Amino acid sequence: MEYLIYLIIVIVVAVALQPKVPGQKPASLNEIDVPTAEKGKPIPKVFGTWVVQSPNIVWYGALGYNKITASGGK
């Protein structure tokens, strides 16, 4: 029984002394590095598993954001 009490005390102290992780801000749209399409740039053909260093991408997705609002009830 004593060991259980010591274990609980050690866990509480460890959680209390844990360093606090600062919150990160999400990247803004101008900070995102997205490869873009260039006229005349060759399009690589990839067979198998390969890392393409400079892809030629035409569409990357709808880069935007919607503010999340929480309604706390009815």
PDB file of N, CA and C in Angstrom:
ATOM      1  N   MET A   1       0.825  -1.194   0.000  1.00  0.00           N
ATOM      2  CA  MET A   1       0.000   0.000   0.000  1.00  0.00           C
ATOM      3  C   MET A   1       0.866   1.254   0.000  1.00  0.00           C
ATOM      4  N   GLU A   2       2.011   1.173   0.736  1.00  0.00           N
ATOM      5  CA  GLU A   2       2.904   2.329   0.778  1.00  0.00           C
ATOM      6  C   GLU A   2       3.464   2.636  -0.606  1.00  0.00           C
ATOM      7  N   TYR A   3       3.769   1.587  -1.378  1.00  0.00           N
ATOM      8  CA  TYR A   3       4.338   1.793  -2.709  1.00  0.00           C
ATOM      9  C   TYR A   3       3.357   2.507  -3.632  1.00  0.00           C
ATOM     10  N   LEU A   4       2.090   2.230  -3.474  1.00  0.00           N
ATOM     11  CA  LEU A   4       1.079   2.885  -4.292  1.00  0.00           C
ATOM     12  C   LEU A   4       1.019   4.381  -3.981  1.00  0.00           C
ATOM     13  N   ILE A   5       1.129   4.728  -2.717  1.00  0.00           N
ATOM     14  CA  ILE A   5       1.118   6.137  -2.315  1.00  0.00           C
ATOM     15  C   ILE A   5       2.356   6.845  -2.866  1.00  0.00           C
ATOM     16  N   TYR A   6       3.525   6.195  -2.750  1.00  0.00           N
ATOM     17  CA  TYR A   6       4.756   6.784  -3.286  1.00  0.00           C
ATOM     18  C   TYR A   6       4.675   6.935  -4.811  1.00  0.00           C
ATOM     19  N   LEU A   7       4.093   5.969  -5.469  1.00  0.00           N
ATOM     20  CA  LEU A   7       3.946   6.024  -6.919  1.00  0.00           C
ATOM     21  C   LEU A   7       3.057   7.202  -7.327  1.00  0.00           C
ATOM     22  N   ILE A   8       1.976   7.396  -6.634  1.00  0.00           N
ATOM     23  CA  ILE A   8       1.070   8.509  -6.931  1.00  0.00           C
ATOM     24  C   ILE A   8       1.765   9.843  -6.694  1.00  0.00           C
ATOM     25  N   ILE A   9       2.532   9.946  -5.616  1.00  0.00           N
ATOM     26  CA  ILE A   9       3.259  11.185  -5.312  1.00  0.00           C
ATOM     27  C   ILE A   9       4.298  11.466  -6.394  1.00  0.00           C
ATOM     28  N   VAL A  10       5.024  10.445  -6.821  1.00  0.00           N
ATOM     29  CA  VAL A  10       6.043  10.619  -7.860  1.00  0.00           C
ATOM     30  C   VAL A  10       5.399  11.046  -9.178  1.00  0.00           C
ATOM     31  N   ILE A  11       4.266  10.471  -9.525  1.00  0.00           N
ATOM     32  CA  ILE A  11       3.576  10.846 -10.757  1.00  0.00           C
ATOM     33  C   ILE A  11       3.097  12.292 -10.699  1.00  0.00           C
ATOM     34  N   VAL A  12       2.548  12.708  -9.570  1.00  0.00           N
ATOM     35  CA  VAL A  12       2.061  14.085  -9.417  1.00  0.00           C
ATOM     36  C   VAL A  12       3.224  15.065  -9.514  1.00  0.00           C
ATOM     37  N   VAL A  13       4.349  14.759  -8.882  1.00  0.00           N
ATOM     38  CA  VAL A  13       5.519  15.641  -8.935  1.00  0.00           C
ATOM     39  C   VAL A  13       6.081  15.693 -10.356  1.00  0.00           C
ATOM     40  N   ALA A  14       6.134  14.550 -11.046  1.00  0.00           N
ATOM     41  CA  ALA A  14       6.658  14.520 -12.417  1.00  0.00           C
ATOM     42  C   ALA A  14       5.786  15.344 -13.353  1.00  0.00           C
ATOM     43  N   VAL A  15       4.484  15.255 -13.213  1.00  0.00           N
ATOM     44  CA  VAL A  15       3.581  16.036 -14.068  1.00  0.00           C
ATOM     45  C   VAL A  15       3.703  17.521 -13.744  1.00  0.00           C
ATOM     46  N   ALA A  16       3.870  17.865 -12.466  1.00  0.00           N
ATOM     47  CA  ALA A  16       3.981  19.264 -12.074  1.00  0.00           C
ATOM     48  C   ALA A  16       5.288  19.886 -12.568  1.00  0.00           C
ATOM     49  N   LEU A  17       6.362  19.113 -12.656  1.00  0.00           N
ATOM     50  CA  LEU A  17       7.661  19.644 -13.066  1.00  0.00           C
ATOM     51  C   LEU A  17       7.911  19.528 -14.566  1.00  0.00           C
ATOM     52  N   GLN A  18       6.969  19.012 -15.299  1.00  0.00           N
ATOM     53  CA  GLN A  18       7.118  18.871 -16.744  1.00  0.00           C
ATOM     54  C   GLN A  18       7.225  20.241 -17.395  1.00  0.00           C
ATOM     55  N   PRO A  19       8.134  20.422 -18.374  1.00  0.00           N
ATOM     56  CA  PRO A  19       8.214  21.729 -19.031  1.00  0.00           C
ATOM     57  C   PRO A  19       6.971  21.985 -19.872  1.00  0.00           C
ATOM     58  N   LYS A  20       6.545  23.226 -19.870  1.00  0.00           N
ATOM     59  CA  LYS A  20       5.355  23.601 -20.632  1.00  0.00           C
ATOM     60  C   LYS A  20       5.743  23.837 -22.083  1.00  0.00           C
ATOM     61  N   VAL A  21       5.005  23.265 -23.000  1.00  0.00           N
ATOM     62  CA  VAL A  21       5.264  23.423 -24.427  1.00  0.00           C
ATOM     63  C   VAL A  21       4.497  24.639 -24.919  1.00  0.00           C
ATOM     64  N   PRO A  22       5.219  25.615 -25.513  1.00  0.00           N
ATOM     65  CA  PRO A  22       4.501  26.792 -26.006  1.00  0.00           C
ATOM     66  C   PRO A  22       3.649  26.427 -27.210  1.00  0.00           C
ATOM     67  N   GLY A  23       2.504  27.070 -27.323  1.00  0.00           N
ATOM     68  CA  GLY A  23       1.618  26.812 -28.449  1.00  0.00           C
ATOM     69  C   GLY A  23       2.208  27.351 -29.741  1.00  0.00           C
ATOM     70  N   GLN A  24       2.065  26.606 -30.821  1.00  0.00           N
ATOM     71  CA  GLN A  24       2.583  27.038 -32.107  1.00  0.00           C
ATOM     72  C   GLN A  24       1.483  27.709 -32.912  1.00  0.00           C
ATOM     73  N   LYS A  25       1.857  28.751 -33.615  1.00  0.00           N
ATOM     74  CA  LYS A  25       0.917  29.391 -34.514  1.00  0.00           C
ATOM     75  C   LYS A  25       0.908  28.605 -35.823  1.00  0.00           C
ATOM     76  N   PRO A  26      -0.232  28.455 -36.440  1.00  0.00           N
ATOM     77  CA  PRO A  26      -0.249  27.796 -37.750  1.00  0.00           C
ATOM     78  C   PRO A  26       0.419  28.675 -38.798  1.00  0.00           C
ATOM     79  N   ALA A  27       0.983  28.041 -39.805  1.00  0.00           N
ATOM     80  CA  ALA A  27       1.660  28.781 -40.869  1.00  0.00           C
ATOM     81  C   ALA A  27       0.645  29.591 -41.661  1.00  0.00           C
ATOM     82  N   SER A  28       1.033  30.804 -42.008  1.00  0.00           N
ATOM     83  CA  SER A  28       0.141  31.617 -42.835  1.00  0.00           C
ATOM     84  C   SER A  28       0.310  31.199 -44.291  1.00  0.00           C
ATOM     85  N   LEU A  29      -0.581  31.660 -45.142  1.00  0.00           N
ATOM     86  CA  LEU A  29      -0.556  31.237 -46.530  1.00  0.00           C
ATOM     87  C   LEU A  29       0.701  31.682 -47.266  1.00  0.00           C
ATOM     88  N   ASN A  30       1.291  32.801 -46.873  1.00  0.00           N
ATOM     89  CA  ASN A  30       2.500  33.244 -47.565  1.00  0.00           C
ATOM     90  C   ASN A  30       3.756  32.538 -47.054  1.00  0.00           C
ATOM     91  N   GLU A  31       3.667  31.760 -45.997  1.00  0.00           N
ATOM     92  CA  GLU A  31       4.810  31.011 -45.476  1.00  0.00           C
ATOM     93  C   GLU A  31       4.895  29.598 -46.044  1.00  0.00           C
ATOM     94  N   ILE A  32       3.859  29.144 -46.720  1.00  0.00           N
ATOM     95  CA  ILE A  32       3.843  27.787 -47.253  1.00  0.00           C
ATOM     96  C   ILE A  32       4.628  27.764 -48.554  1.00  0.00           C
ATOM     97  N   ASP A  33       5.605  26.873 -48.637  1.00  0.00           N
ATOM     98  CA  ASP A  33       6.439  26.756 -49.825  1.00  0.00           C
ATOM     99  C   ASP A  33       5.851  25.675 -50.722  1.00  0.00           C
ATOM    100  N   VAL A  34       5.159  26.105 -51.766  1.00  0.00           N
ATOM    101  CA  VAL A  34       4.474  25.194 -52.668  1.00  0.00           C
ATOM    102  C   VAL A  34       5.155  25.239 -54.028  1.00  0.00           C
ATOM    103  N   PRO A  35       5.527  24.083 -54.592  1.00  0.00           N
ATOM    104  CA  PRO A  35       6.087  24.107 -55.939  1.00  0.00           C
ATOM    105  C   PRO A  35       5.030  24.538 -56.949  1.00  0.00           C
ATOM    106  N   THR A  36       5.432  25.297 -57.942  1.00  0.00           N
ATOM    107  CA  THR A  36       4.485  25.806 -58.916  1.00  0.00           C
ATOM    108  C   THR A  36       4.832  25.310 -60.317  1.00  0.00           C
ATOM    109  N   ALA A  37       3.871  25.420 -61.201  1.00  0.00           N
ATOM    110  CA  ALA A  37       4.057  25.003 -62.590  1.00  0.00           C
ATOM    111  C   ALA A  37       4.786  26.081 -63.358  1.00  0.00           C
ATOM    112  N   GLU A  38       5.709  25.667 -64.192  1.00  0.00           N
ATOM    113  CA  GLU A  38       6.433  26.595 -65.050  1.00  0.00           C
ATOM    114  C   GLU A  38       6.319  26.120 -66.487  1.00  0.00           C
ATOM    115  N   LYS A  39       6.126  27.044 -67.369  1.00  0.00           N
ATOM    116  CA  LYS A  39       6.006  26.711 -68.778  1.00  0.00           C
ATOM    117  C   LYS A  39       7.360  26.225 -69.302  1.00  0.00           C
ATOM    118  N   GLY A  40       7.334  25.084 -69.996  1.00  0.00           N
ATOM    119  CA  GLY A  40       8.551  24.540 -70.573  1.00  0.00           C
ATOM    120  C   GLY A  40       9.336  23.638 -69.647  1.00  0.00           C
ATOM    121  N   LYS A  41       8.940  23.536 -68.403  1.00  0.00           N
ATOM    122  CA  LYS A  41       9.643  22.670 -67.456  1.00  0.00           C
ATOM    123  C   LYS A  41       9.249  21.223 -67.735  1.00  0.00           C
ATOM    124  N   PRO A  42      10.203  20.312 -67.824  1.00  0.00           N
ATOM    125  CA  PRO A  42       9.861  18.920 -68.128  1.00  0.00           C
ATOM    126  C   PRO A  42       9.085  18.266 -66.988  1.00  0.00           C
ATOM    127  N   ILE A  43       8.187  17.368 -67.339  1.00  0.00           N
ATOM    128  CA  ILE A  43       7.415  16.613 -66.362  1.00  0.00           C
ATOM    129  C   ILE A  43       8.079  15.254 -66.199  1.00  0.00           C
ATOM    130  N   PRO A  44       8.596  14.933 -65.012  1.00  0.00           N
ATOM    131  CA  PRO A  44       9.311  13.668 -64.843  1.00  0.00           C
ATOM    132  C   PRO A  44       8.363  12.478 -64.819  1.00  0.00           C
ATOM    133  N   LYS A  45       8.808  11.358 -65.396  1.00  0.00           N
ATOM    134  CA  LYS A  45       8.087  10.094 -65.295  1.00  0.00           C
ATOM    135  C   LYS A  45       8.778   9.275 -64.215  1.00  0.00           C
ATOM    136  N   VAL A  46       8.020   8.866 -63.238  1.00  0.00           N
ATOM    137  CA  VAL A  46       8.590   8.139 -62.112  1.00  0.00           C
ATOM    138  C   VAL A  46       8.075   6.709 -62.141  1.00  0.00           C
ATOM    139  N   PHE A  47       8.997   5.755 -62.104  1.00  0.00           N
ATOM    140  CA  PHE A  47       8.654   4.346 -62.021  1.00  0.00           C
ATOM    141  C   PHE A  47       9.203   3.817 -60.704  1.00  0.00           C
ATOM    142  N   GLY A  48       8.328   3.328 -59.850  1.00  0.00           N
ATOM    143  CA  GLY A  48       8.753   2.835 -58.542  1.00  0.00           C
ATOM    144  C   GLY A  48       8.734   3.945 -57.512  1.00  0.00           C
ATOM    145  N   THR A  49       9.523   3.778 -56.477  1.00  0.00           N
ATOM    146  CA  THR A  49       9.597   4.758 -55.389  1.00  0.00           C
ATOM    147  C   THR A  49      10.764   5.694 -55.655  1.00  0.00           C
ATOM    148  N   TRP A  50      10.469   6.994 -55.729  1.00  0.00           N
ATOM    149  CA  TRP A  50      11.494   7.970 -56.064  1.00  0.00           C
ATOM    150  C   TRP A  50      11.099   9.312 -55.465  1.00  0.00           C
ATOM    151  N   VAL A  51      12.070  10.094 -55.058  1.00  0.00           N
ATOM    152  CA  VAL A  51      11.803  11.433 -54.543  1.00  0.00           C
ATOM    153  C   VAL A  51      12.078  12.427 -55.663  1.00  0.00           C
ATOM    154  N   VAL A  52      11.049  13.147 -56.085  1.00  0.00           N
ATOM    155  CA  VAL A  52      11.198  14.153 -57.126  1.00  0.00           C
ATOM    156  C   VAL A  52      11.595  15.458 -56.445  1.00  0.00           C
ATOM    157  N   GLN A  53      12.782  15.976 -56.768  1.00  0.00           N
ATOM    158  CA  GLN A  53      13.307  17.156 -56.088  1.00  0.00           C
ATOM    159  C   GLN A  53      12.580  18.442 -56.479  1.00  0.00           C
ATOM    160  N   SER A  54      12.172  18.567 -57.727  1.00  0.00           N
ATOM    161  CA  SER A  54      11.478  19.785 -58.153  1.00  0.00           C
ATOM    162  C   SER A  54      10.267  19.400 -58.995  1.00  0.00           C
ATOM    163  N   PRO A  55       9.155  19.076 -58.343  1.00  0.00           N
ATOM    164  CA  PRO A  55       7.979  18.661 -59.097  1.00  0.00           C
ATOM    165  C   PRO A  55       7.321  19.841 -59.813  1.00  0.00           C
ATOM    166  N   ASN A  56       6.615  19.539 -60.875  1.00  0.00           N
ATOM    167  CA  ASN A  56       5.886  20.540 -61.654  1.00  0.00           C
ATOM    168  C   ASN A  56       4.408  20.357 -61.326  1.00  0.00           C
ATOM    169  N   ILE A  57       3.900  21.132 -60.368  1.00  0.00           N
ATOM    170  CA  ILE A  57       2.551  20.943 -59.853  1.00  0.00           C
ATOM    171  C   ILE A  57       1.641  22.035 -60.390  1.00  0.00           C
ATOM    172  N   VAL A  58       0.485  21.626 -60.916  1.00  0.00           N
ATOM    173  CA  VAL A  58      -0.464  22.579 -61.477  1.00  0.00           C
ATOM    174  C   VAL A  58      -1.456  23.052 -60.422  1.00  0.00           C
ATOM    175  N   TRP A  59      -1.950  22.154 -59.553  1.00  0.00           N
ATOM    176  CA  TRP A  59      -2.931  22.520 -58.528  1.00  0.00           C
ATOM    177  C   TRP A  59      -2.512  21.890 -57.215  1.00  0.00           C
ATOM    178  N   TYR A  60      -2.528  22.657 -56.138  1.00  0.00           N
ATOM    179  CA  TYR A  60      -2.061  22.174 -54.842  1.00  0.00           C
ATOM    180  C   TYR A  60      -3.181  22.077 -53.818  1.00  0.00           C
ATOM    181  N   GLY A  61      -4.359  22.494 -54.133  1.00  0.00           N
ATOM    182  CA  GLY A  61      -5.457  22.423 -53.175  1.00  0.00           C
ATOM    183  C   GLY A  61      -5.964  23.810 -52.850  1.00  0.00           C
ATOM    184  N   ALA A  62      -7.067  23.849 -52.179  1.00  0.00           N
ATOM    185  CA  ALA A  62      -7.667  25.116 -51.789  1.00  0.00           C
ATOM    186  C   ALA A  62      -6.975  25.597 -50.522  1.00  0.00           C
ATOM    187  N   LEU A  63      -5.986  26.480 -50.692  1.00  0.00           N
ATOM    188  CA  LEU A  63      -5.244  26.987 -49.545  1.00  0.00           C
ATOM    189  C   LEU A  63      -6.007  28.164 -48.959  1.00  0.00           C
ATOM    190  N   GLY A  64      -6.674  27.916 -47.888  1.00  0.00           N
ATOM    191  CA  GLY A  64      -7.437  28.937 -47.197  1.00  0.00           C
ATOM    192  C   GLY A  64      -7.740  28.428 -45.800  1.00  0.00           C
ATOM    193  N   TYR A  65      -8.457  29.199 -45.083  1.00  0.00           N
ATOM    194  CA  TYR A  65      -8.814  28.759 -43.746  1.00  0.00           C
ATOM    195  C   TYR A  65     -10.194  29.274 -43.389  1.00  0.00           C
ATOM    196  N   ASN A  66     -10.824  28.569 -42.499  1.00  0.00           N
ATOM    197  CA  ASN A  66     -12.104  28.968 -41.926  1.00  0.00           C
ATOM    198  C   ASN A  66     -11.933  29.021 -40.427  1.00  0.00           C
ATOM    199  N   LYS A  67     -12.353  30.107 -39.829  1.00  0.00           N
ATOM    200  CA  LYS A  67     -12.256  30.237 -38.392  1.00  0.00           C
ATOM    201  C   LYS A  67     -13.205  29.255 -37.724  1.00  0.00           C
ATOM    202  N   ILE A  68     -12.696  28.535 -36.757  1.00  0.00           N
ATOM    203  CA  ILE A  68     -13.507  27.564 -36.030  1.00  0.00           C
ATOM    204  C   ILE A  68     -14.128  28.267 -34.830  1.00  0.00           C
ATOM    205  N   THR A  69     -15.435  28.252 -34.786  1.00  0.00           N
ATOM    206  CA  THR A  69     -16.114  28.829 -33.633  1.00  0.00           C
ATOM    207  C   THR A  69     -16.883  27.722 -32.930  1.00  0.00           C
ATOM    208  N   ALA A  70     -16.814  27.730 -31.656  1.00  0.00           N
ATOM    209  CA  ALA A  70     -17.495  26.703 -30.875  1.00  0.00           C
ATOM    210  C   ALA A  70     -18.729  27.309 -30.231  1.00  0.00           C
ATOM    211  N   SER A  71     -19.846  26.684 -30.488  1.00  0.00           N
ATOM    212  CA  SER A  71     -21.059  27.126 -29.796  1.00  0.00           C
ATOM    213  C   SER A  71     -21.260  26.186 -28.620  1.00  0.00           C
ATOM    214  N   GLY A  72     -21.394  26.744 -27.476  1.00  0.00           N
ATOM    215  CA  GLY A  72     -21.417  25.954 -26.263  1.00  0.00           C
ATOM    216  C   GLY A  72     -22.783  25.467 -25.838  1.00  0.00           C
ATOM    217  N   GLY A  73     -23.615  25.162 -26.746  1.00  0.00           N
ATOM    218  CA  GLY A  73     -24.909  24.637 -26.327  1.00  0.00           C
ATOM    219  C   GLY A  73     -25.990  24.927 -27.353  1.00  0.00           C
ATOM    220  N   LYS A  74     -27.174  25.119 -26.826  1.00  0.00           N
ATOM    221  CA  LYS A  74     -28.342  25.294 -27.703  1.00  0.00           C
ATOM    222  C   LYS A  74     -28.474  26.695 -28.218  1.00  0.00           C
TER     223      LYS A  74
END
